[in-house]
N, C-alpha and C. Protein backbone atom coordinates (compact mmCIF):
# COMPACT_ATOMS: atom_id res chain seq x y z
N MET A 1 -20.74 0.95 22.65
CA MET A 1 -21.74 0.10 22.10
C MET A 1 -21.84 -1.03 22.98
N ASN A 2 -23.19 -1.25 23.32
CA ASN A 2 -23.33 -2.40 24.29
C ASN A 2 -23.62 -3.80 23.40
N ALA A 3 -23.66 -4.80 24.33
CA ALA A 3 -23.72 -6.13 23.60
C ALA A 3 -24.88 -6.34 22.88
N GLU A 4 -26.02 -5.84 23.36
CA GLU A 4 -27.26 -6.09 22.71
C GLU A 4 -27.22 -5.51 21.27
N LYS A 5 -26.66 -4.29 21.08
CA LYS A 5 -26.70 -3.57 19.89
C LYS A 5 -25.73 -4.42 18.87
N ARG A 6 -24.64 -4.86 19.37
CA ARG A 6 -23.59 -5.55 18.52
C ARG A 6 -24.26 -6.85 18.02
N TYR A 7 -25.02 -7.55 18.93
CA TYR A 7 -25.67 -8.80 18.50
C TYR A 7 -26.54 -8.69 17.28
N GLU A 8 -27.45 -7.56 17.46
CA GLU A 8 -28.25 -7.22 16.41
C GLU A 8 -27.70 -6.87 15.16
N ILE A 9 -26.50 -6.11 15.14
CA ILE A 9 -25.63 -5.92 14.06
C ILE A 9 -25.10 -7.19 13.36
N PHE A 10 -24.64 -8.05 14.12
CA PHE A 10 -24.14 -9.40 13.61
C PHE A 10 -25.22 -10.24 13.01
N SER A 11 -26.52 -10.01 13.70
CA SER A 11 -27.54 -10.86 13.12
C SER A 11 -28.01 -10.46 11.84
N ARG A 12 -28.04 -9.27 11.69
CA ARG A 12 -28.42 -8.59 10.45
C ARG A 12 -27.50 -9.20 9.21
N LEU A 13 -26.18 -8.98 9.52
CA LEU A 13 -25.04 -9.25 8.72
C LEU A 13 -25.29 -10.77 8.30
N ARG A 14 -25.59 -11.58 9.13
CA ARG A 14 -25.78 -12.94 8.90
C ARG A 14 -26.87 -13.20 8.08
N ALA A 15 -28.07 -12.57 8.32
CA ALA A 15 -29.24 -12.74 7.74
C ALA A 15 -29.03 -12.26 6.26
N ASN A 16 -28.29 -11.23 6.10
CA ASN A 16 -28.09 -10.68 4.64
C ASN A 16 -27.22 -11.55 3.80
N ASN A 17 -26.26 -12.33 4.56
CA ASN A 17 -25.34 -13.18 3.83
C ASN A 17 -25.01 -14.33 4.66
N PRO A 18 -25.80 -15.33 4.62
CA PRO A 18 -25.50 -16.50 5.57
C PRO A 18 -24.20 -17.25 5.45
N ARG A 19 -23.73 -17.37 4.24
CA ARG A 19 -22.57 -18.05 3.97
C ARG A 19 -21.40 -17.18 3.25
N PRO A 20 -20.90 -16.28 3.98
CA PRO A 20 -19.91 -15.46 3.27
C PRO A 20 -18.52 -16.08 3.18
N THR A 21 -17.90 -15.66 2.01
CA THR A 21 -16.57 -16.19 1.84
C THR A 21 -15.61 -15.20 1.13
N THR A 22 -14.44 -15.42 1.08
CA THR A 22 -13.52 -14.52 0.32
C THR A 22 -13.81 -14.49 -1.02
N GLU A 23 -13.27 -13.28 -1.66
CA GLU A 23 -13.62 -13.04 -3.00
C GLU A 23 -12.29 -13.39 -3.89
N LEU A 24 -11.13 -13.89 -3.17
CA LEU A 24 -10.18 -14.39 -3.89
C LEU A 24 -10.51 -15.78 -4.54
N ASN A 25 -9.99 -16.15 -5.78
CA ASN A 25 -10.29 -17.14 -6.42
C ASN A 25 -9.30 -18.37 -5.92
N TYR A 26 -9.80 -19.44 -5.50
CA TYR A 26 -8.82 -20.54 -5.12
C TYR A 26 -9.66 -21.96 -5.00
N SER A 27 -8.82 -22.90 -5.23
CA SER A 27 -9.40 -24.31 -5.11
C SER A 27 -8.70 -25.24 -4.23
N SER A 28 -7.78 -24.67 -3.47
CA SER A 28 -7.00 -25.51 -2.50
C SER A 28 -6.45 -24.47 -1.42
N SER A 29 -6.00 -25.12 -0.29
CA SER A 29 -5.56 -24.20 0.83
C SER A 29 -4.15 -23.50 0.31
N PHE A 30 -3.45 -24.27 -0.60
CA PHE A 30 -2.17 -23.68 -1.11
C PHE A 30 -2.58 -22.42 -2.08
N GLU A 31 -3.37 -22.76 -2.94
CA GLU A 31 -3.95 -21.53 -3.79
C GLU A 31 -4.30 -20.47 -3.04
N LEU A 32 -5.08 -20.62 -1.88
CA LEU A 32 -5.53 -19.47 -1.09
C LEU A 32 -4.26 -18.86 -0.44
N LEU A 33 -3.37 -19.74 0.18
CA LEU A 33 -2.20 -19.07 0.83
C LEU A 33 -1.44 -18.10 -0.22
N ILE A 34 -1.20 -18.66 -1.38
CA ILE A 34 -0.37 -17.76 -2.34
C ILE A 34 -1.31 -16.54 -2.69
N ALA A 35 -2.57 -16.61 -2.98
CA ALA A 35 -3.36 -15.56 -3.29
C ALA A 35 -3.42 -14.53 -2.12
N VAL A 36 -3.44 -14.89 -0.88
CA VAL A 36 -3.33 -13.92 0.13
C VAL A 36 -2.10 -13.19 0.22
N ILE A 37 -0.97 -13.95 0.11
CA ILE A 37 0.30 -13.18 0.08
C ILE A 37 0.36 -12.10 -1.02
N LEU A 38 -0.20 -12.64 -2.18
CA LEU A 38 -0.13 -11.58 -3.36
C LEU A 38 -1.09 -10.44 -3.13
N SER A 39 -2.12 -10.59 -2.13
CA SER A 39 -3.12 -9.64 -1.88
C SER A 39 -2.71 -8.31 -1.16
N ALA A 40 -1.60 -8.33 -0.47
CA ALA A 40 -1.02 -7.41 0.29
C ALA A 40 -0.92 -6.13 -0.47
N GLN A 41 -1.64 -5.02 -0.07
CA GLN A 41 -1.67 -3.68 -0.87
C GLN A 41 -1.98 -4.00 -2.31
N ALA A 42 -2.88 -4.80 -2.55
CA ALA A 42 -3.41 -5.16 -3.82
C ALA A 42 -4.86 -5.51 -3.70
N THR A 43 -5.77 -5.31 -4.86
CA THR A 43 -7.07 -5.72 -4.71
C THR A 43 -7.30 -7.19 -5.10
N ASP A 44 -8.34 -7.69 -4.50
CA ASP A 44 -8.69 -9.13 -4.83
C ASP A 44 -8.89 -9.37 -6.39
N VAL A 45 -9.56 -8.35 -7.01
CA VAL A 45 -9.70 -8.44 -8.48
C VAL A 45 -8.43 -8.53 -9.15
N GLY A 46 -7.52 -7.67 -8.71
CA GLY A 46 -6.16 -7.68 -9.41
C GLY A 46 -5.45 -9.05 -9.17
N VAL A 47 -5.51 -9.53 -7.98
CA VAL A 47 -4.89 -10.89 -7.79
C VAL A 47 -5.49 -11.95 -8.47
N ASN A 48 -6.92 -11.98 -8.40
CA ASN A 48 -7.59 -12.92 -9.30
C ASN A 48 -7.13 -13.03 -10.75
N LYS A 49 -7.01 -11.83 -11.40
CA LYS A 49 -6.63 -11.76 -12.88
C LYS A 49 -5.19 -12.48 -12.98
N ALA A 50 -4.47 -12.24 -12.11
CA ALA A 50 -3.03 -12.96 -12.12
C ALA A 50 -3.16 -14.42 -11.87
N THR A 51 -3.71 -14.79 -10.72
CA THR A 51 -3.87 -16.29 -10.39
C THR A 51 -4.60 -17.07 -11.36
N ASP A 52 -5.62 -16.38 -12.14
CA ASP A 52 -6.39 -17.22 -13.01
C ASP A 52 -5.44 -17.59 -14.24
N LYS A 53 -4.46 -16.88 -14.55
CA LYS A 53 -3.56 -17.30 -15.52
C LYS A 53 -2.37 -18.11 -14.96
N LEU A 54 -1.93 -17.90 -13.65
CA LEU A 54 -0.93 -18.71 -13.05
C LEU A 54 -1.35 -20.10 -12.71
N TYR A 55 -2.50 -20.26 -11.99
CA TYR A 55 -2.89 -21.66 -11.40
C TYR A 55 -3.14 -22.60 -12.51
N PRO A 56 -3.67 -22.39 -13.69
CA PRO A 56 -3.79 -23.47 -14.68
C PRO A 56 -2.23 -23.98 -15.25
N VAL A 57 -1.36 -23.12 -14.95
CA VAL A 57 0.00 -23.68 -15.19
C VAL A 57 0.69 -24.18 -14.05
N ALA A 58 0.69 -23.66 -12.99
CA ALA A 58 1.20 -24.00 -11.70
C ALA A 58 0.43 -23.60 -10.49
N ASN A 59 0.15 -24.76 -9.72
CA ASN A 59 -0.69 -24.49 -8.51
C ASN A 59 -0.35 -25.45 -7.37
N THR A 60 0.85 -25.83 -7.39
CA THR A 60 1.35 -26.67 -6.21
C THR A 60 2.75 -25.96 -5.93
N PRO A 61 3.16 -26.22 -4.69
CA PRO A 61 4.47 -25.67 -4.21
C PRO A 61 5.63 -26.04 -5.22
N GLN A 62 5.69 -27.28 -5.67
CA GLN A 62 6.70 -27.76 -6.52
C GLN A 62 6.50 -27.06 -7.94
N GLU A 63 5.34 -26.92 -8.33
CA GLU A 63 5.20 -26.36 -9.63
C GLU A 63 5.54 -24.88 -9.83
N ILE A 64 5.14 -24.16 -8.79
CA ILE A 64 5.39 -22.70 -8.70
C ILE A 64 6.98 -22.58 -8.27
N TYR A 65 7.49 -23.50 -7.43
CA TYR A 65 8.92 -23.37 -7.24
C TYR A 65 9.81 -23.57 -8.58
N ASP A 66 9.35 -24.49 -9.22
CA ASP A 66 9.95 -24.63 -10.51
C ASP A 66 9.97 -23.55 -11.59
N LEU A 67 8.97 -22.72 -11.44
CA LEU A 67 8.98 -21.48 -12.23
C LEU A 67 10.11 -20.58 -11.98
N GLY A 68 10.61 -20.60 -10.58
CA GLY A 68 11.63 -19.67 -10.35
C GLY A 68 11.20 -18.19 -10.20
N VAL A 69 11.84 -17.44 -9.57
CA VAL A 69 11.48 -16.03 -9.31
C VAL A 69 11.14 -15.21 -10.54
N GLU A 70 12.00 -15.45 -11.57
CA GLU A 70 11.61 -14.62 -12.73
C GLU A 70 10.41 -15.16 -13.51
N GLY A 71 10.30 -16.56 -13.60
CA GLY A 71 9.23 -17.10 -14.18
C GLY A 71 7.90 -16.73 -13.57
N LEU A 72 7.86 -16.71 -12.27
CA LEU A 72 6.72 -16.38 -11.42
C LEU A 72 6.26 -14.80 -11.86
N LYS A 73 7.32 -13.98 -11.91
CA LYS A 73 7.10 -12.47 -12.04
C LYS A 73 6.25 -12.35 -13.25
N THR A 74 6.39 -13.27 -14.35
CA THR A 74 5.74 -12.86 -15.63
C THR A 74 4.23 -13.02 -15.41
N TYR A 75 3.86 -13.80 -14.55
CA TYR A 75 2.36 -14.00 -14.11
C TYR A 75 1.81 -12.91 -13.17
N ILE A 76 2.62 -12.37 -12.22
CA ILE A 76 2.13 -11.51 -11.21
C ILE A 76 2.68 -10.06 -11.42
N LYS A 77 3.23 -9.74 -12.56
CA LYS A 77 3.84 -8.37 -12.73
C LYS A 77 2.82 -7.32 -12.55
N THR A 78 1.48 -7.48 -12.81
CA THR A 78 0.45 -6.67 -12.75
C THR A 78 0.08 -6.24 -11.27
N ILE A 79 0.53 -7.02 -10.29
CA ILE A 79 0.21 -6.75 -8.84
C ILE A 79 1.40 -5.95 -8.16
N GLY A 80 0.79 -5.08 -7.47
CA GLY A 80 1.91 -4.14 -6.71
C GLY A 80 2.88 -4.96 -5.93
N LEU A 81 4.10 -4.34 -5.88
CA LEU A 81 5.13 -5.15 -5.13
C LEU A 81 5.47 -6.51 -5.40
N PHE A 82 5.45 -6.77 -6.88
CA PHE A 82 5.42 -8.07 -7.50
C PHE A 82 6.98 -8.64 -7.45
N ASN A 83 7.88 -7.87 -7.38
CA ASN A 83 9.31 -8.30 -7.19
C ASN A 83 9.41 -9.00 -5.79
N SER A 84 9.21 -8.30 -4.78
CA SER A 84 9.34 -8.77 -3.32
C SER A 84 8.42 -10.09 -3.10
N LYS A 85 7.27 -9.88 -3.74
CA LYS A 85 6.22 -10.95 -3.52
C LYS A 85 6.63 -12.23 -4.33
N ALA A 86 7.27 -12.10 -5.48
CA ALA A 86 7.67 -13.21 -6.22
C ALA A 86 8.71 -13.99 -5.32
N GLU A 87 9.82 -13.31 -4.76
CA GLU A 87 10.81 -13.83 -3.96
C GLU A 87 10.11 -14.55 -2.62
N ASN A 88 9.22 -13.91 -2.08
CA ASN A 88 8.57 -14.49 -0.88
C ASN A 88 7.94 -15.82 -1.35
N VAL A 89 7.15 -15.79 -2.35
CA VAL A 89 6.32 -16.86 -2.79
C VAL A 89 7.31 -18.01 -3.13
N ILE A 90 8.29 -17.88 -3.76
CA ILE A 90 9.30 -18.98 -4.09
C ILE A 90 9.85 -19.49 -2.92
N LYS A 91 10.33 -18.63 -1.89
CA LYS A 91 10.84 -19.06 -0.68
C LYS A 91 9.88 -19.87 0.14
N THR A 92 8.58 -19.54 0.17
CA THR A 92 7.52 -20.01 0.88
C THR A 92 7.35 -21.63 0.31
N CYS A 93 7.42 -21.73 -1.10
CA CYS A 93 7.11 -22.90 -1.73
C CYS A 93 8.31 -23.92 -1.27
N ARG A 94 9.49 -23.25 -1.32
CA ARG A 94 10.56 -24.09 -0.91
C ARG A 94 10.67 -24.77 0.54
N MET A 95 10.08 -23.71 1.39
CA MET A 95 9.89 -24.14 2.79
C MET A 95 8.67 -25.18 2.96
N LEU A 96 7.62 -25.00 2.28
CA LEU A 96 6.44 -25.95 2.37
C LEU A 96 7.02 -27.34 1.96
N LEU A 97 7.74 -27.42 0.86
CA LEU A 97 8.33 -28.81 0.39
C LEU A 97 9.33 -29.31 1.44
N ASP A 98 10.24 -28.40 1.95
CA ASP A 98 11.21 -28.80 2.75
C ASP A 98 10.68 -29.22 4.22
N ARG A 99 9.78 -28.56 4.85
CA ARG A 99 9.39 -28.80 6.20
C ARG A 99 7.91 -29.30 6.39
N HIS A 100 7.16 -29.27 5.31
CA HIS A 100 5.75 -29.57 5.53
C HIS A 100 5.11 -30.63 4.48
N ASN A 101 6.09 -31.40 3.84
CA ASN A 101 5.80 -32.24 2.70
C ASN A 101 4.72 -31.71 1.72
N GLY A 102 4.96 -30.32 1.38
CA GLY A 102 4.28 -29.57 0.38
C GLY A 102 2.79 -29.34 0.91
N GLU A 103 2.49 -29.50 2.06
CA GLU A 103 1.18 -29.09 2.63
C GLU A 103 1.27 -27.82 3.47
N VAL A 104 0.11 -27.14 3.42
CA VAL A 104 -0.12 -25.88 4.06
C VAL A 104 -0.22 -26.19 5.53
N PRO A 105 0.62 -25.59 6.41
CA PRO A 105 0.43 -26.08 7.89
C PRO A 105 -0.87 -25.33 8.47
N GLN A 106 -1.31 -25.87 9.47
CA GLN A 106 -2.53 -25.49 10.13
C GLN A 106 -2.42 -24.67 11.41
N THR A 107 -1.30 -24.38 11.76
CA THR A 107 -1.02 -23.61 13.01
C THR A 107 -0.55 -22.22 12.61
N ARG A 108 -0.74 -21.24 13.57
CA ARG A 108 -0.46 -19.85 13.23
C ARG A 108 1.18 -19.73 13.27
N GLU A 109 1.80 -20.48 14.16
CA GLU A 109 3.23 -20.37 14.37
C GLU A 109 3.88 -20.88 13.10
N ALA A 110 3.49 -21.90 12.58
CA ALA A 110 4.03 -22.41 11.28
C ALA A 110 3.88 -21.47 10.07
N LEU A 111 2.68 -21.03 9.95
CA LEU A 111 2.19 -20.13 8.95
C LEU A 111 3.06 -18.83 8.87
N GLU A 112 3.22 -18.32 10.14
CA GLU A 112 3.91 -17.12 10.33
C GLU A 112 5.44 -17.17 9.96
N ALA A 113 5.89 -18.28 10.14
CA ALA A 113 7.28 -18.74 9.79
C ALA A 113 7.55 -18.59 8.24
N LEU A 114 6.62 -18.63 7.43
CA LEU A 114 6.71 -18.78 6.05
C LEU A 114 6.94 -17.12 5.57
N PRO A 115 7.91 -17.04 4.49
CA PRO A 115 8.09 -15.69 4.02
C PRO A 115 6.86 -15.04 3.41
N GLY A 116 6.70 -13.73 3.81
CA GLY A 116 5.50 -13.03 3.24
C GLY A 116 4.22 -13.21 3.96
N VAL A 117 4.49 -14.08 5.07
CA VAL A 117 3.15 -14.38 5.75
C VAL A 117 3.19 -13.79 7.30
N GLY A 118 2.34 -12.76 7.56
CA GLY A 118 2.18 -12.09 8.80
C GLY A 118 0.93 -12.53 9.47
N ARG A 119 0.65 -11.84 10.65
CA ARG A 119 -0.45 -12.55 11.34
C ARG A 119 -1.79 -12.27 10.40
N LYS A 120 -2.04 -11.20 9.79
CA LYS A 120 -3.24 -11.13 8.99
C LYS A 120 -3.38 -12.31 7.96
N THR A 121 -2.33 -12.40 7.32
CA THR A 121 -2.31 -13.48 6.21
C THR A 121 -2.64 -14.83 7.00
N ALA A 122 -1.97 -15.18 7.97
CA ALA A 122 -2.19 -16.33 8.60
C ALA A 122 -3.66 -16.52 9.15
N ASN A 123 -4.07 -15.32 9.60
CA ASN A 123 -5.52 -15.49 10.17
C ASN A 123 -6.55 -15.80 9.11
N VAL A 124 -6.33 -15.21 7.82
CA VAL A 124 -7.09 -15.41 6.72
C VAL A 124 -7.07 -17.05 6.31
N VAL A 125 -5.94 -17.55 6.19
CA VAL A 125 -5.83 -18.73 5.91
C VAL A 125 -6.40 -19.78 6.91
N LEU A 126 -6.15 -19.60 8.22
CA LEU A 126 -6.67 -20.28 9.37
C LEU A 126 -8.17 -20.27 9.17
N ASN A 127 -8.72 -19.16 9.05
CA ASN A 127 -10.22 -18.93 8.99
C ASN A 127 -10.86 -19.58 7.74
N THR A 128 -10.40 -19.19 6.51
CA THR A 128 -11.06 -19.46 5.26
C THR A 128 -10.79 -20.95 4.81
N ALA A 129 -9.50 -21.42 5.01
CA ALA A 129 -9.12 -22.76 4.55
C ALA A 129 -9.35 -23.69 5.59
N PHE A 130 -9.28 -23.46 6.80
CA PHE A 130 -9.31 -24.48 7.79
C PHE A 130 -10.40 -24.25 8.98
N GLY A 131 -11.23 -23.25 8.67
CA GLY A 131 -12.52 -23.19 9.47
C GLY A 131 -12.22 -22.65 11.00
N GLN A 132 -11.06 -22.06 11.14
CA GLN A 132 -10.90 -21.51 12.62
C GLN A 132 -11.40 -20.19 12.78
N PRO A 133 -11.91 -19.98 14.08
CA PRO A 133 -12.53 -18.57 14.21
C PRO A 133 -11.48 -17.43 14.44
N THR A 134 -10.67 -17.22 13.46
CA THR A 134 -9.74 -16.16 13.71
C THR A 134 -10.35 -14.95 12.91
N ILE A 135 -9.81 -13.79 13.19
CA ILE A 135 -10.24 -12.52 12.61
C ILE A 135 -9.02 -11.66 12.08
N ALA A 136 -9.07 -11.62 10.89
CA ALA A 136 -7.89 -10.88 10.22
C ALA A 136 -8.31 -9.47 9.87
N VAL A 137 -7.73 -8.39 10.68
CA VAL A 137 -8.11 -7.11 10.63
C VAL A 137 -7.16 -6.31 9.49
N ASP A 138 -8.12 -6.08 8.49
CA ASP A 138 -7.44 -5.26 7.31
C ASP A 138 -7.94 -3.93 7.25
N THR A 139 -7.78 -3.19 6.33
CA THR A 139 -8.21 -1.77 6.42
C THR A 139 -9.70 -1.64 6.46
N HIS A 140 -10.36 -2.57 5.73
CA HIS A 140 -11.87 -2.46 5.72
C HIS A 140 -12.43 -2.72 7.15
N ILE A 141 -11.85 -3.76 7.85
CA ILE A 141 -12.42 -4.30 9.03
C ILE A 141 -12.05 -3.13 10.02
N PHE A 142 -10.93 -2.59 9.91
CA PHE A 142 -10.46 -1.58 10.92
C PHE A 142 -11.30 -0.36 10.90
N ARG A 143 -11.68 0.11 9.58
CA ARG A 143 -12.48 1.17 9.24
C ARG A 143 -14.01 0.89 9.89
N VAL A 144 -14.50 -0.17 9.51
CA VAL A 144 -15.79 -0.54 9.78
C VAL A 144 -16.06 -0.51 11.31
N SER A 145 -14.99 -1.39 12.08
CA SER A 145 -15.16 -1.42 13.41
C SER A 145 -15.14 -0.26 14.10
N ASN A 146 -14.17 0.69 13.75
CA ASN A 146 -14.11 1.90 14.48
C ASN A 146 -15.45 2.88 13.97
N ARG A 147 -15.72 2.98 12.77
CA ARG A 147 -16.77 3.89 12.43
C ARG A 147 -18.23 3.51 13.05
N THR A 148 -18.38 2.14 12.97
CA THR A 148 -19.77 1.64 13.57
C THR A 148 -19.64 1.75 15.11
N GLY A 149 -18.55 1.50 15.77
CA GLY A 149 -18.41 1.59 17.22
C GLY A 149 -18.31 0.05 17.65
N ILE A 150 -18.37 -0.99 17.01
CA ILE A 150 -18.38 -2.28 17.39
C ILE A 150 -17.18 -2.81 18.02
N ALA A 151 -16.02 -2.12 17.63
CA ALA A 151 -14.71 -2.45 18.21
C ALA A 151 -13.84 -1.44 17.96
N LYS A 152 -13.68 -0.30 18.76
CA LYS A 152 -12.81 0.72 18.43
C LYS A 152 -11.41 0.51 18.94
N GLY A 153 -10.37 0.88 18.07
CA GLY A 153 -8.99 0.86 18.56
C GLY A 153 -8.13 1.69 17.60
N LYS A 154 -6.95 2.00 18.19
CA LYS A 154 -6.04 2.78 17.48
C LYS A 154 -5.27 2.06 16.44
N ASN A 155 -5.20 0.94 16.50
CA ASN A 155 -4.38 0.10 15.56
C ASN A 155 -5.16 -1.36 15.41
N VAL A 156 -4.55 -2.04 14.37
CA VAL A 156 -5.24 -3.36 14.07
C VAL A 156 -5.19 -4.32 15.25
N ASP A 157 -4.09 -4.38 16.04
CA ASP A 157 -4.03 -5.28 17.17
C ASP A 157 -5.21 -5.13 18.04
N GLU A 158 -5.48 -3.74 18.35
CA GLU A 158 -6.48 -3.42 19.39
C GLU A 158 -7.79 -3.82 18.91
N VAL A 159 -8.08 -3.57 17.69
CA VAL A 159 -9.38 -3.88 17.02
C VAL A 159 -9.54 -5.36 17.01
N GLU A 160 -8.46 -6.14 16.68
CA GLU A 160 -8.57 -7.71 16.63
C GLU A 160 -8.92 -8.24 18.01
N LYS A 161 -8.23 -7.54 19.15
CA LYS A 161 -8.52 -8.10 20.32
C LYS A 161 -9.87 -7.85 20.83
N LYS A 162 -10.34 -6.70 20.47
CA LYS A 162 -11.66 -6.26 20.95
C LYS A 162 -12.74 -7.03 20.24
N LEU A 163 -12.67 -7.41 18.88
CA LEU A 163 -13.45 -8.14 18.09
C LEU A 163 -13.42 -9.65 18.73
N ILE A 164 -12.37 -10.11 18.93
CA ILE A 164 -12.19 -11.38 19.65
C ILE A 164 -12.96 -11.53 20.97
N ARG A 165 -12.87 -10.52 21.69
CA ARG A 165 -13.60 -10.33 22.98
C ARG A 165 -15.04 -10.18 22.95
N ASN A 166 -15.60 -9.33 21.72
CA ASN A 166 -16.86 -8.84 21.90
C ASN A 166 -17.81 -9.57 20.87
N VAL A 167 -17.15 -10.37 19.98
CA VAL A 167 -18.00 -10.92 19.05
C VAL A 167 -18.56 -12.43 19.69
N PRO A 168 -19.70 -12.71 19.83
CA PRO A 168 -20.22 -13.97 20.37
C PRO A 168 -19.79 -15.07 19.44
N LYS A 169 -19.60 -16.17 20.05
CA LYS A 169 -19.07 -17.57 19.46
C LYS A 169 -19.70 -17.70 18.10
N GLU A 170 -21.03 -17.66 18.18
CA GLU A 170 -21.97 -18.12 16.85
C GLU A 170 -21.69 -17.34 15.65
N PHE A 171 -20.93 -16.11 15.86
CA PHE A 171 -20.63 -15.26 14.76
C PHE A 171 -19.11 -15.23 14.46
N LYS A 172 -18.30 -15.83 15.29
CA LYS A 172 -16.77 -15.62 15.11
C LYS A 172 -16.32 -16.11 13.72
N LEU A 173 -16.82 -17.25 13.31
CA LEU A 173 -16.17 -17.81 12.19
C LEU A 173 -16.39 -16.83 10.79
N ASP A 174 -17.56 -16.12 10.72
CA ASP A 174 -17.90 -15.43 9.50
C ASP A 174 -17.71 -13.99 9.77
N ILE A 175 -17.32 -13.40 10.89
CA ILE A 175 -17.31 -11.93 11.02
C ILE A 175 -16.41 -11.36 10.26
N HIS A 176 -15.19 -11.99 10.13
CA HIS A 176 -14.18 -11.60 9.13
C HIS A 176 -14.70 -11.31 7.76
N HIS A 177 -15.36 -12.18 7.20
CA HIS A 177 -15.91 -11.83 5.85
C HIS A 177 -17.08 -10.87 5.81
N TRP A 178 -17.84 -10.87 6.95
CA TRP A 178 -19.03 -9.92 6.69
C TRP A 178 -18.42 -8.52 6.81
N LEU A 179 -17.58 -8.24 7.63
CA LEU A 179 -16.91 -6.80 7.87
C LEU A 179 -16.21 -6.33 6.72
N ILE A 180 -15.53 -7.29 6.02
CA ILE A 180 -14.76 -7.00 4.96
C ILE A 180 -15.62 -6.53 3.72
N LEU A 181 -16.66 -7.41 3.46
CA LEU A 181 -17.52 -7.04 2.45
C LEU A 181 -18.36 -5.86 2.68
N HIS A 182 -18.86 -5.66 3.88
CA HIS A 182 -19.47 -4.48 4.41
C HIS A 182 -18.52 -3.23 4.10
N GLY A 183 -17.29 -3.11 4.29
CA GLY A 183 -16.32 -2.11 4.23
C GLY A 183 -16.07 -1.93 2.73
N ARG A 184 -16.09 -2.98 1.92
CA ARG A 184 -15.70 -3.03 0.47
C ARG A 184 -16.88 -2.35 -0.28
N TYR A 185 -18.15 -2.64 0.15
CA TYR A 185 -19.25 -2.26 -0.90
C TYR A 185 -20.23 -1.31 -0.15
N THR A 186 -20.22 -1.20 1.17
CA THR A 186 -21.22 -0.23 1.73
C THR A 186 -20.63 0.83 2.68
N CYS A 187 -19.78 0.40 3.50
CA CYS A 187 -19.09 1.34 4.33
C CYS A 187 -17.72 1.74 3.78
N ILE A 188 -17.88 2.19 2.70
CA ILE A 188 -16.60 2.61 1.98
C ILE A 188 -15.83 3.87 2.51
N ALA A 189 -14.52 4.06 2.30
CA ALA A 189 -13.77 4.87 3.06
C ALA A 189 -14.20 6.36 2.81
N ARG A 190 -14.39 6.83 1.54
CA ARG A 190 -14.48 8.22 1.41
C ARG A 190 -15.97 8.72 1.73
N LYS A 191 -16.87 7.97 1.20
CA LYS A 191 -18.19 8.53 1.41
C LYS A 191 -19.15 7.21 1.62
N PRO A 192 -19.26 6.80 2.77
CA PRO A 192 -20.08 5.58 3.08
C PRO A 192 -21.47 5.61 2.65
N ARG A 193 -22.06 4.40 2.05
CA ARG A 193 -23.28 4.47 1.72
C ARG A 193 -24.42 4.15 2.73
N CYS A 194 -24.45 5.11 3.68
CA CYS A 194 -25.36 4.95 4.87
C CYS A 194 -26.86 4.81 4.42
N GLY A 195 -27.51 5.32 3.40
CA GLY A 195 -28.61 5.31 3.17
C GLY A 195 -29.12 3.83 2.60
N SER A 196 -28.20 3.09 2.20
CA SER A 196 -28.52 1.70 1.71
C SER A 196 -27.78 0.63 2.70
N CYS A 197 -27.52 1.12 3.97
CA CYS A 197 -26.83 0.28 4.92
C CYS A 197 -27.92 -0.44 5.70
N ILE A 198 -27.71 -1.85 6.03
CA ILE A 198 -28.67 -2.54 6.63
C ILE A 198 -28.54 -2.35 8.23
N ILE A 199 -27.46 -1.63 8.55
CA ILE A 199 -27.14 -1.53 10.03
C ILE A 199 -27.11 -0.03 10.39
N GLU A 200 -27.60 0.83 9.61
CA GLU A 200 -27.26 2.39 9.74
C GLU A 200 -28.00 2.70 11.04
N ASP A 201 -29.08 2.29 11.38
CA ASP A 201 -29.94 2.63 12.64
C ASP A 201 -29.01 2.31 13.96
N LEU A 202 -28.17 1.21 13.73
CA LEU A 202 -27.34 0.87 14.92
C LEU A 202 -26.03 1.23 15.16
N CYS A 203 -25.54 2.03 13.95
CA CYS A 203 -24.23 2.54 13.83
C CYS A 203 -24.00 3.79 14.60
N ASP A 204 -22.71 3.95 15.19
CA ASP A 204 -22.48 4.98 15.87
C ASP A 204 -21.78 6.20 15.27
N PHE A 205 -21.55 6.00 13.93
CA PHE A 205 -21.11 7.08 12.91
C PHE A 205 -21.87 8.28 12.90
N LYS A 206 -21.50 9.41 13.19
CA LYS A 206 -22.28 10.63 13.40
C LYS A 206 -22.40 11.37 12.08
N GLU A 207 -21.52 11.13 11.11
CA GLU A 207 -21.67 11.93 9.83
C GLU A 207 -22.19 11.10 8.72
N LYS A 208 -23.17 10.61 8.98
CA LYS A 208 -24.05 9.61 8.02
C LYS A 208 -24.42 10.34 6.69
N THR A 209 -24.46 9.72 5.70
CA THR A 209 -24.67 10.19 4.44
C THR A 209 -26.20 9.67 3.97
N GLU A 210 -26.74 10.11 2.90
CA GLU A 210 -28.04 9.75 2.40
C GLU A 210 -28.01 8.69 1.27
N ILE A 211 -26.79 8.35 0.99
CA ILE A 211 -26.57 7.49 -0.30
C ILE A 211 -27.02 6.17 0.08
């Protein structure tokens, strides 16, 4: 796919949704960090149901740490992998208190040092909470990038590198959310809704549907 076609794709996505954001509920960088940790192999809807009950009770590193692992589990037990996630969240809260004065760090290195935080989670926090032009490649972005042809790669690292290289600066801050939302609601996994897609005529996917 050439640069001109990519530019048109990004322009249409922007025109359709000028100010995209995450569908996770949060009101602080800390709440976002915890929600993203919990969202691994879980849906945003499922995470929101849990955090909507958790955050009114505890929404700071100290308050969640004070719940303890077992106390936290009572709020997040509906989320997949809740046992290991509870342990990671409590350890992360302790580290934030000990090393960062209870604040969420704004560097990739410091974020990835937190338990339960990998590159994708760090990218989401840096982008959504702190406005850095990072691109977190999840299953939706990986699928849309490969299917449309805007950034083909065999793994998430390859796709991320190509997106960073090929996405013009003016789109970099928001491309993460545009691609996630496009993959979640239009370019879905099993049967993409090509007939209602705003970039269908620009997409390289050969097996288009009429839906």
